[in-house]
PDB file of N, CA and C in Angstrom:
ATOM      1  N   MET A   1      -1.372 -63.377 -50.369  1.00  0.00           N
ATOM      2  CA  MET A   1      -1.160 -62.826 -49.652  1.00  0.00           C
ATOM      3  C   MET A   1       0.670 -62.183 -49.878  1.00  0.00           C
ATOM      4  N   SER A   2       1.224 -60.842 -49.609  1.00  0.00           N
ATOM      5  CA  SER A   2       2.349 -60.555 -49.820  1.00  0.00           C
ATOM      6  C   SER A   2       3.584 -61.477 -48.430  1.00  0.00           C
ATOM      7  N   LYS A   3       4.750 -61.545 -48.713  1.00  0.00           N
ATOM      8  CA  LYS A   3       5.358 -61.641 -47.555  1.00  0.00           C
ATOM      9  C   LYS A   3       5.444 -61.223 -46.447  1.00  0.00           C
ATOM     10  N   LYS A   4       5.275 -59.425 -46.978  1.00  0.00           N
ATOM     11  CA  LYS A   4       5.148 -58.485 -45.511  1.00  0.00           C
ATOM     12  C   LYS A   4       3.904 -58.631 -45.048  1.00  0.00           C
ATOM     13  N   SER A   5       2.832 -59.093 -46.078  1.00  0.00           N
ATOM     14  CA  SER A   5       1.932 -59.068 -44.905  1.00  0.00           C
ATOM     15  C   SER A   5       1.805 -60.693 -44.147  1.00  0.00           C
ATOM     16  N   GLN A   6       2.124 -61.400 -44.214  1.00  0.00           N
ATOM     17  CA  GLN A   6       2.644 -62.425 -43.567  1.00  0.00           C
ATOM     18  C   GLN A   6       3.309 -62.172 -42.620  1.00  0.00           C
ATOM     19  N   ASN A   7       4.149 -61.759 -43.209  1.00  0.00           N
ATOM     20  CA  ASN A   7       5.360 -61.266 -41.840  1.00  0.00           C
ATOM     21  C   ASN A   7       4.341 -60.687 -40.490  1.00  0.00           C
ATOM     22  N   LEU A   8       3.502 -59.312 -40.984  1.00  0.00           N
ATOM     23  CA  LEU A   8       2.909 -58.701 -40.118  1.00  0.00           C
ATOM     24  C   LEU A   8       1.661 -59.341 -39.232  1.00  0.00           C
ATOM     25  N   GLU A   9       0.987 -60.485 -40.262  1.00  0.00           N
ATOM     26  CA  GLU A   9       0.026 -60.945 -39.357  1.00  0.00           C
ATOM     27  C   GLU A   9       0.962 -61.715 -38.620  1.00  0.00           C
ATOM     28  N   VAL A  10       2.151 -62.460 -38.506  1.00  0.00           N
ATOM     29  CA  VAL A  10       2.712 -63.259 -37.141  1.00  0.00           C
ATOM     30  C   VAL A  10       3.083 -61.979 -36.541  1.00  0.00           C
ATOM     31  N   LEU A  11       3.551 -60.991 -36.616  1.00  0.00           N
ATOM     32  CA  LEU A  11       3.581 -60.247 -35.771  1.00  0.00           C
ATOM     33  C   LEU A  11       2.878 -59.839 -35.105  1.00  0.00           C
ATOM     34  N   LEU A  12       1.800 -59.439 -35.675  1.00  0.00           N
ATOM     35  CA  LEU A  12       0.655 -58.774 -34.887  1.00  0.00           C
ATOM     36  C   LEU A  12      -0.245 -60.395 -33.769  1.00  0.00           C
ATOM     37  N   SER A  13      -0.211 -61.634 -34.258  1.00  0.00           N
ATOM     38  CA  SER A  13      -0.139 -62.363 -33.344  1.00  0.00           C
ATOM     39  C   SER A  13       0.905 -62.886 -32.174  1.00  0.00           C
ATOM     40  N   GLU A  14       2.197 -62.710 -32.388  1.00  0.00           N
ATOM     41  CA  GLU A  14       3.076 -62.415 -31.390  1.00  0.00           C
ATOM     42  C   GLU A  14       2.635 -61.194 -30.512  1.00  0.00           C
ATOM     43  N   LEU A  15       2.409 -60.440 -30.679  1.00  0.00           N
ATOM     44  CA  LEU A  15       2.220 -58.772 -30.091  1.00  0.00           C
ATOM     45  C   LEU A  15       0.583 -58.900 -29.277  1.00  0.00           C
ATOM     46  N   THR A  16      -0.092 -59.830 -30.040  1.00  0.00           N
ATOM     47  CA  THR A  16      -1.741 -59.937 -28.769  1.00  0.00           C
ATOM     48  C   THR A  16      -1.371 -60.959 -27.995  1.00  0.00           C
ATOM     49  N   GLN A  17      -0.277 -62.034 -27.900  1.00  0.00           N
ATOM     50  CA  GLN A  17      -0.581 -62.884 -27.297  1.00  0.00           C
ATOM     51  C   GLN A  17       0.204 -62.189 -26.122  1.00  0.00           C
ATOM     52  N   GLU A  18       1.431 -61.753 -26.094  1.00  0.00           N
ATOM     53  CA  GLU A  18       1.989 -60.769 -25.416  1.00  0.00           C
ATOM     54  C   GLU A  18       1.038 -59.966 -24.586  1.00  0.00           C
ATOM     55  N   ARG A  19       0.335 -59.562 -24.968  1.00  0.00           N
ATOM     56  CA  ARG A  19      -0.712 -58.575 -24.505  1.00  0.00           C
ATOM     57  C   ARG A  19      -1.826 -59.274 -23.251  1.00  0.00           C
ATOM     58  N   ASN A  20      -2.158 -60.393 -24.074  1.00  0.00           N
ATOM     59  CA  ASN A  20      -2.725 -61.194 -23.195  1.00  0.00           C
ATOM     60  C   ASN A  20      -2.046 -61.836 -22.057  1.00  0.00           C
ATOM     61  N   GLU A  21      -0.888 -62.337 -22.275  1.00  0.00           N
ATOM     62  CA  GLU A  21      -0.123 -62.690 -21.239  1.00  0.00           C
ATOM     63  C   GLU A  21       0.166 -61.211 -20.134  1.00  0.00           C
ATOM     64  N   LEU A  22       0.630 -60.162 -20.660  1.00  0.00           N
ATOM     65  CA  LEU A  22       0.582 -59.498 -19.558  1.00  0.00           C
ATOM     66  C   LEU A  22      -0.758 -58.686 -18.737  1.00  0.00           C
ATOM     67  N   ASP A  23      -1.943 -59.188 -19.568  1.00  0.00           N
ATOM     68  CA  ASP A  23      -3.022 -58.646 -19.217  1.00  0.00           C
ATOM     69  C   ASP A  23      -3.352 -59.584 -17.464  1.00  0.00           C
ATOM     70  N   GLN A  24      -3.094 -60.611 -17.943  1.00  0.00           N
ATOM     71  CA  GLN A  24      -2.887 -61.656 -16.922  1.00  0.00           C
ATOM     72  C   GLN A  24      -2.235 -61.510 -15.772  1.00  0.00           C
ATOM     73  N   SER A  25      -1.045 -61.130 -16.050  1.00  0.00           N
ATOM     74  CA  SER A  25       0.026 -61.181 -14.616  1.00  0.00           C
ATOM     75  C   SER A  25      -0.512 -59.746 -14.137  1.00  0.00           C
ATOM     76  N   ILE A  26      -1.250 -58.806 -15.143  1.00  0.00           N
ATOM     77  CA  ILE A  26      -1.337 -57.061 -14.140  1.00  0.00           C
ATOM     78  C   ILE A  26      -2.770 -57.526 -13.633  1.00  0.00           C
ATOM     79  N   GLU A  27      -3.418 -58.790 -13.676  1.00  0.00           N
ATOM     80  CA  GLU A  27      -4.873 -58.973 -13.126  1.00  0.00           C
ATOM     81  C   GLU A  27      -4.116 -59.684 -11.989  1.00  0.00           C
ATOM     82  N   GLU A  28      -3.561 -60.529 -11.902  1.00  0.00           N
ATOM     83  CA  GLU A  28      -2.688 -60.909 -10.892  1.00  0.00           C
ATOM     84  C   GLU A  28      -1.945 -60.443  -9.935  1.00  0.00           C
ATOM     85  N   LEU A  29      -1.857 -59.452 -10.499  1.00  0.00           N
ATOM     86  CA  LEU A  29      -1.107 -58.441  -9.427  1.00  0.00           C
ATOM     87  C   LEU A  29      -2.183 -57.757  -8.357  1.00  0.00           C
ATOM     88  N   ILE A  30      -2.817 -57.330  -9.439  1.00  0.00           N
ATOM     89  CA  ILE A  30      -3.819 -56.359  -8.727  1.00  0.00           C
ATOM     90  C   ILE A  30      -5.096 -57.111  -7.968  1.00  0.00           C
ATOM     91  N   ALA A  31      -5.179 -58.697  -8.137  1.00  0.00           N
ATOM     92  CA  ALA A  31      -5.448 -59.266  -6.840  1.00  0.00           C
ATOM     93  C   ALA A  31      -4.524 -59.504  -5.700  1.00  0.00           C
ATOM     94  N   ASP A  32      -3.657 -59.642  -5.821  1.00  0.00           N
ATOM     95  CA  ASP A  32      -2.505 -59.951  -4.882  1.00  0.00           C
ATOM     96  C   ASP A  32      -2.571 -58.684  -4.078  1.00  0.00           C
ATOM     97  N   MET A  33      -2.512 -57.347  -4.718  1.00  0.00           N
ATOM     98  CA  MET A  33      -3.174 -56.091  -3.720  1.00  0.00           C
ATOM     99  C   MET A  33      -4.087 -56.166  -3.071  1.00  0.00           C
ATOM    100  N   ALA A  34      -5.673 -56.378  -3.462  1.00  0.00           N
ATOM    101  CA  ALA A  34      -6.262 -56.389  -2.921  1.00  0.00           C
ATOM    102  C   ALA A  34      -6.543 -57.328  -1.836  1.00  0.00           C
ATOM    103  N   ASP A  35      -5.625 -58.311  -1.847  1.00  0.00           N
ATOM    104  CA  ASP A  35      -5.948 -59.036  -0.326  1.00  0.00           C
ATOM    105  C   ASP A  35      -4.785 -58.884   0.445  1.00  0.00           C
ATOM    106  N   ALA A  36      -4.266 -58.209   0.037  1.00  0.00           N
ATOM    107  CA  ALA A  36      -2.870 -57.480   1.280  1.00  0.00           C
ATOM    108  C   ALA A  36      -3.430 -56.485   2.077  1.00  0.00           C
ATOM    109  N   PRO A  37      -3.547 -56.666   3.484  1.00  0.00           N
ATOM    110  CA  PRO A  37      -3.909 -55.956   4.240  1.00  0.00           C
ATOM    111  C   PRO A  37      -3.450 -54.352   3.759  1.00  0.00           C
ATOM    112  N   PRO A  38      -4.480 -53.344   4.485  1.00  0.00           N
ATOM    113  CA  PRO A  38      -3.619 -52.037   4.118  1.00  0.00           C
ATOM    114  C   PRO A  38      -2.266 -51.672   4.858  1.00  0.00           C
ATOM    115  N   GLU A  39      -2.127 -51.977   5.700  1.00  0.00           N
ATOM    116  CA  GLU A  39      -0.453 -51.850   5.897  1.00  0.00           C
ATOM    117  C   GLU A  39       0.847 -52.360   5.139  1.00  0.00           C
ATOM    118  N   ALA A  40       0.441 -53.495   4.559  1.00  0.00           N
ATOM    119  CA  ALA A  40       1.064 -54.234   3.971  1.00  0.00           C
ATOM    120  C   ALA A  40       1.639 -53.087   2.268  1.00  0.00           C
ATOM    121  N   ARG A  41       0.141 -52.500   2.334  1.00  0.00           N
ATOM    122  CA  ARG A  41       0.460 -51.290   0.617  1.00  0.00           C
ATOM    123  C   ARG A  41       1.138 -50.235   1.092  1.00  0.00           C
ATOM    124  N   THR A  42       1.808 -50.183   2.357  1.00  0.00           N
ATOM    125  CA  THR A  42       2.359 -48.752   2.861  1.00  0.00           C
ATOM    126  C   THR A  42       3.651 -49.410   2.901  1.00  0.00           C
ATOM    127  N   SER A  43       3.764 -50.376   2.851  1.00  0.00           N
ATOM    128  CA  SER A  43       5.584 -50.868   3.297  1.00  0.00           C
ATOM    129  C   SER A  43       5.407 -52.039   2.940  1.00  0.00           C
ATOM    130  N   GLY A  44       6.746 -52.457   2.729  1.00  0.00           N
ATOM    131  CA  GLY A  44       7.055 -53.904   2.011  1.00  0.00           C
ATOM    132  C   GLY A  44       7.205 -53.834   0.250  1.00  0.00           C
ATOM    133  N   ASP A  45       6.487 -55.103   0.166  1.00  0.00           N
ATOM    134  CA  ASP A  45       6.562 -55.122  -1.533  1.00  0.00           C
ATOM    135  C   ASP A  45       5.709 -54.290  -2.311  1.00  0.00           C
ATOM    136  N   TRP A  46       4.403 -53.729  -1.884  1.00  0.00           N
ATOM    137  CA  TRP A  46       3.559 -52.750  -2.228  1.00  0.00           C
ATOM    138  C   TRP A  46       4.169 -51.410  -2.080  1.00  0.00           C
ATOM    139  N   ALA A  47       4.683 -51.065  -1.430  1.00  0.00           N
ATOM    140  CA  ALA A  47       5.357 -49.777  -0.614  1.00  0.00           C
ATOM    141  C   ALA A  47       5.457 -48.933  -2.243  1.00  0.00           C
ATOM    142  N   ALA A  48       5.789 -47.562  -2.085  1.00  0.00           N
ATOM    143  CA  ALA A  48       5.615 -47.077  -3.779  1.00  0.00           C
ATOM    144  C   ALA A  48       7.146 -47.250  -4.106  1.00  0.00           C
ATOM    145  N   ASP A  49       7.848 -47.356  -3.400  1.00  0.00           N
ATOM    146  CA  ASP A  49       9.387 -48.397  -4.191  1.00  0.00           C
ATOM    147  C   ASP A  49       9.657 -50.014  -3.656  1.00  0.00           C
ATOM    148  N   GLY A  50       8.366 -50.214  -3.407  1.00  0.00           N
ATOM    149  CA  GLY A  50       8.329 -51.908  -3.533  1.00  0.00           C
ATOM    150  C   GLY A  50       8.783 -53.097  -4.507  1.00  0.00           C
ATOM    151  N   VAL A  51       9.319 -53.903  -4.613  1.00  0.00           N
ATOM    152  CA  VAL A  51       9.314 -55.055  -5.960  1.00  0.00           C
ATOM    153  C   VAL A  51       7.865 -55.036  -6.576  1.00  0.00           C
ATOM    154  N   LEU A  52       6.759 -55.397  -5.477  1.00  0.00           N
ATOM    155  CA  LEU A  52       5.617 -55.329  -6.439  1.00  0.00           C
ATOM    156  C   LEU A  52       5.103 -54.814  -7.378  1.00  0.00           C
ATOM    157  N   THR A  53       4.921 -53.444  -6.795  1.00  0.00           N
ATOM    158  CA  THR A  53       4.786 -52.317  -6.713  1.00  0.00           C
ATOM    159  C   THR A  53       5.743 -52.044  -8.257  1.00  0.00           C
ATOM    160  N   LYS A  54       6.829 -52.050  -8.465  1.00  0.00           N
ATOM    161  CA  LYS A  54       8.077 -52.235  -9.365  1.00  0.00           C
ATOM    162  C   LYS A  54       7.397 -53.000 -10.464  1.00  0.00           C
ATOM    163  N   ARG A  55       7.405 -54.031 -10.327  1.00  0.00           N
ATOM    164  CA  ARG A  55       6.844 -55.119 -11.372  1.00  0.00           C
ATOM    165  C   ARG A  55       5.364 -54.738 -11.598  1.00  0.00           C
ATOM    166  N   TYR A  56       4.468 -54.352 -11.038  1.00  0.00           N
ATOM    167  CA  TYR A  56       3.134 -53.697 -11.831  1.00  0.00           C
ATOM    168  C   TYR A  56       3.597 -52.772 -12.914  1.00  0.00           C
ATOM    169  N   LEU A  57       4.120 -51.796 -12.159  1.00  0.00           N
ATOM    170  CA  LEU A  57       5.082 -50.847 -13.009  1.00  0.00           C
ATOM    171  C   LEU A  57       5.264 -50.957 -14.449  1.00  0.00           C
ATOM    172  N   ASP A  58       6.243 -52.158 -14.605  1.00  0.00           N
ATOM    173  CA  ASP A  58       6.858 -52.474 -15.688  1.00  0.00           C
ATOM    174  C   ASP A  58       6.093 -53.053 -16.927  1.00  0.00           C
ATOM    175  N   LEU A  59       5.097 -53.997 -15.629  1.00  0.00           N
ATOM    176  CA  LEU A  59       4.206 -54.544 -16.620  1.00  0.00           C
ATOM    177  C   LEU A  59       2.960 -54.097 -17.576  1.00  0.00           C
ATOM    178  N   THR A  60       2.716 -52.501 -17.106  1.00  0.00           N
ATOM    179  CA  THR A  60       2.221 -51.536 -17.317  1.00  0.00           C
ATOM    180  C   THR A  60       2.253 -50.664 -18.313  1.00  0.00           C
ATOM    181  N   ASN A  61       3.964 -50.289 -18.381  1.00  0.00           N
ATOM    182  CA  ASN A  61       4.722 -49.771 -18.966  1.00  0.00           C
ATOM    183  C   ASN A  61       4.869 -51.047 -20.816  1.00  0.00           C
ATOM    184  N   ARG A  62       5.607 -51.921 -20.111  1.00  0.00           N
ATOM    185  CA  ARG A  62       5.163 -52.892 -21.244  1.00  0.00           C
ATOM    186  C   ARG A  62       3.966 -53.125 -22.005  1.00  0.00           C
ATOM    187  N   GLN A  63       2.864 -53.161 -21.715  1.00  0.00           N
ATOM    188  CA  GLN A  63       1.289 -53.060 -22.066  1.00  0.00           C
ATOM    189  C   GLN A  63       1.260 -51.894 -22.723  1.00  0.00           C
ATOM    190  N   ALA A  64       1.431 -50.530 -22.406  1.00  0.00           N
ATOM    191  CA  ALA A  64       1.291 -50.033 -23.187  1.00  0.00           C
ATOM    192  C   ALA A  64       1.949 -49.730 -24.679  1.00  0.00           C
ATOM    193  N   LYS A  65       3.219 -50.511 -24.607  1.00  0.00           N
ATOM    194  CA  LYS A  65       4.633 -50.394 -25.739  1.00  0.00           C
ATOM    195  C   LYS A  65       3.297 -51.563 -26.376  1.00  0.00           C
ATOM    196  N   VAL A  66       3.414 -52.438 -25.774  1.00  0.00           N
ATOM    197  CA  VAL A  66       2.483 -53.346 -26.471  1.00  0.00           C
ATOM    198  C   VAL A  66       1.236 -52.967 -27.364  1.00  0.00           C
ATOM    199  N   GLU A  67       0.673 -52.435 -26.737  1.00  0.00           N
ATOM    200  CA  GLU A  67      -0.510 -51.575 -27.432  1.00  0.00           C
ATOM    201  C   GLU A  67      -0.096 -50.714 -28.505  1.00  0.00           C
ATOM    202  N   ARG A  68       0.633 -49.752 -28.368  1.00  0.00           N
ATOM    203  CA  ARG A  68       0.893 -48.952 -29.391  1.00  0.00           C
ATOM    204  C   ARG A  68       1.166 -49.530 -30.779  1.00  0.00           C
ATOM    205  N   ASP A  69       2.018 -50.761 -30.551  1.00  0.00           N
ATOM    206  CA  ASP A  69       2.511 -52.144 -31.632  1.00  0.00           C
ATOM    207  C   ASP A  69       1.776 -52.294 -32.269  1.00  0.00           C
ATOM    208  N   ILE A  70       0.322 -52.807 -31.593  1.00  0.00           N
ATOM    209  CA  ILE A  70      -0.742 -53.546 -32.046  1.00  0.00           C
ATOM    210  C   ILE A  70      -1.224 -52.228 -32.789  1.00  0.00           C
ATOM    211  N   ILE A  71      -1.340 -51.440 -32.588  1.00  0.00           N
ATOM    212  CA  ILE A  71      -1.899 -50.174 -33.529  1.00  0.00           C
ATOM    213  C   ILE A  71      -1.115 -50.297 -34.397  1.00  0.00           C
ATOM    214  N   ASP A  72       0.198 -49.695 -34.675  1.00  0.00           N
ATOM    215  CA  ASP A  72       1.087 -49.440 -35.869  1.00  0.00           C
ATOM    216  C   ASP A  72       0.637 -50.667 -36.668  1.00  0.00           C
ATOM    217  N   VAL A  73       0.972 -51.924 -36.377  1.00  0.00           N
ATOM    218  CA  VAL A  73       1.249 -52.983 -36.911  1.00  0.00           C
ATOM    219  C   VAL A  73      -0.268 -53.560 -37.525  1.00  0.00           C
ATOM    220  N   SER A  74      -1.497 -52.542 -37.168  1.00  0.00           N
ATOM    221  CA  SER A  74      -2.481 -53.004 -37.720  1.00  0.00           C
ATOM    222  C   SER A  74      -2.680 -52.043 -38.552  1.00  0.00           C
ATOM    223  N   ARG A  75      -2.365 -50.807 -38.360  1.00  0.00           N
ATOM    224  CA  ARG A  75      -2.676 -49.513 -39.370  1.00  0.00           C
ATOM    225  C   ARG A  75      -1.654 -50.252 -40.748  1.00  0.00           C
ATOM    226  N   GLU A  76      -0.497 -50.523 -40.616  1.00  0.00           N
ATOM    227  CA  GLU A  76       0.211 -50.835 -41.425  1.00  0.00           C
ATOM    228  C   GLU A  76      -0.245 -52.244 -42.407  1.00  0.00           C
ATOM    229  N   LEU A  77      -1.089 -52.919 -41.709  1.00  0.00           N
ATOM    230  CA  LEU A  77      -1.381 -54.395 -42.515  1.00  0.00           C
ATOM    231  C   LEU A  77      -3.102 -53.566 -43.160  1.00  0.00           C
ATOM    232  N   THR A  78      -3.686 -52.652 -42.570  1.00  0.00           N
ATOM    233  CA  THR A  78      -4.705 -52.211 -43.382  1.00  0.00           C
ATOM    234  C   THR A  78      -4.374 -51.192 -44.540  1.00  0.00           C
ATOM    235  N   ALA A  79      -3.138 -50.240 -44.706  1.00  0.00           N
ATOM    236  CA  ALA A  79      -2.559 -49.882 -45.313  1.00  0.00           C
ATOM    237  C   ALA A  79      -2.221 -50.843 -46.405  1.00  0.00           C
ATOM    238  N   GLY A  80      -1.919 -51.722 -46.202  1.00  0.00           N
ATOM    239  CA  GLY A  80      -1.109 -53.016 -47.473  1.00  0.00           C
ATOM    240  C   GLY A  80      -2.573 -53.016 -48.208  1.00  0.00           C
ATOM    241  N   VAL A  81      -3.406 -53.377 -47.797  1.00  0.00           N
ATOM    242  CA  VAL A  81      -4.480 -54.131 -48.388  1.00  0.00           C
ATOM    243  C   VAL A  81      -5.597 -53.531 -49.251  1.00  0.00           C
ATOM    244  N   LYS A  82      -5.383 -54.049 -50.610  1.00  0.00           N
ATOM    245  CA  LYS A  82      -5.900 -52.785 -51.845  1.00  0.00           C
ATOM    246  C   LYS A  82      -6.757 -53.439 -52.363  1.00  0.00           C
ATOM    247  N   PRO A  83      -7.726 -52.513 -52.420  1.00  0.00           N
ATOM    248  CA  PRO A  83      -9.174 -53.203 -52.995  1.00  0.00           C
ATOM    249  C   PRO A  83      -9.461 -53.882 -53.939  1.00  0.00           C
ATOM    250  N   THR A  84     -10.088 -54.752 -54.125  1.00  0.00           N
ATOM    251  CA  THR A  84     -10.309 -55.825 -55.425  1.00  0.00           C
ATOM    252  C   THR A  84     -11.230 -54.864 -56.052  1.00  0.00           C
ATOM    253  N   LEU A  85     -10.731 -54.565 -57.234  1.00  0.00           N
ATOM    254  CA  LEU A  85     -11.598 -53.671 -58.570  1.00  0.00           C
ATOM    255  C   LEU A  85     -12.459 -54.867 -59.285  1.00  0.00           C
ATOM    256  N   PRO A  86     -13.802 -54.302 -59.413  1.00  0.00           N
ATOM    257  CA  PRO A  86     -14.197 -55.381 -60.701  1.00  0.00           C
ATOM    258  C   PRO A  86     -13.480 -54.987 -61.917  1.00  0.00           C
ATOM    259  N   ASN A  87     -13.094 -56.077 -62.829  1.00  0.00           N
ATOM    260  CA  ASN A  87     -13.031 -56.290 -64.048  1.00  0.00           C
ATOM    261  C   ASN A  87     -14.255 -55.322 -65.252  1.00  0.00           C
TER     262      ASN A  87
END
């Protein structure tokens, strides 16, 4: 395996770990919002400009970027794989 492929494998692993952490954080926020009474969703932390709403949006935006990066790195890894030809 080439040094570039090794670096891409490490990057892919790191991105996958970050995606898993983002998924978990987003799930926790969704559960928190589901537990909040309806009036708390229109004011306070879950209001349109609330702290938790902003946190949720930041996490989902980062999640989308990580997903794009995973796709790009996966494509680069796949493109770098040379088929083994029979002798």
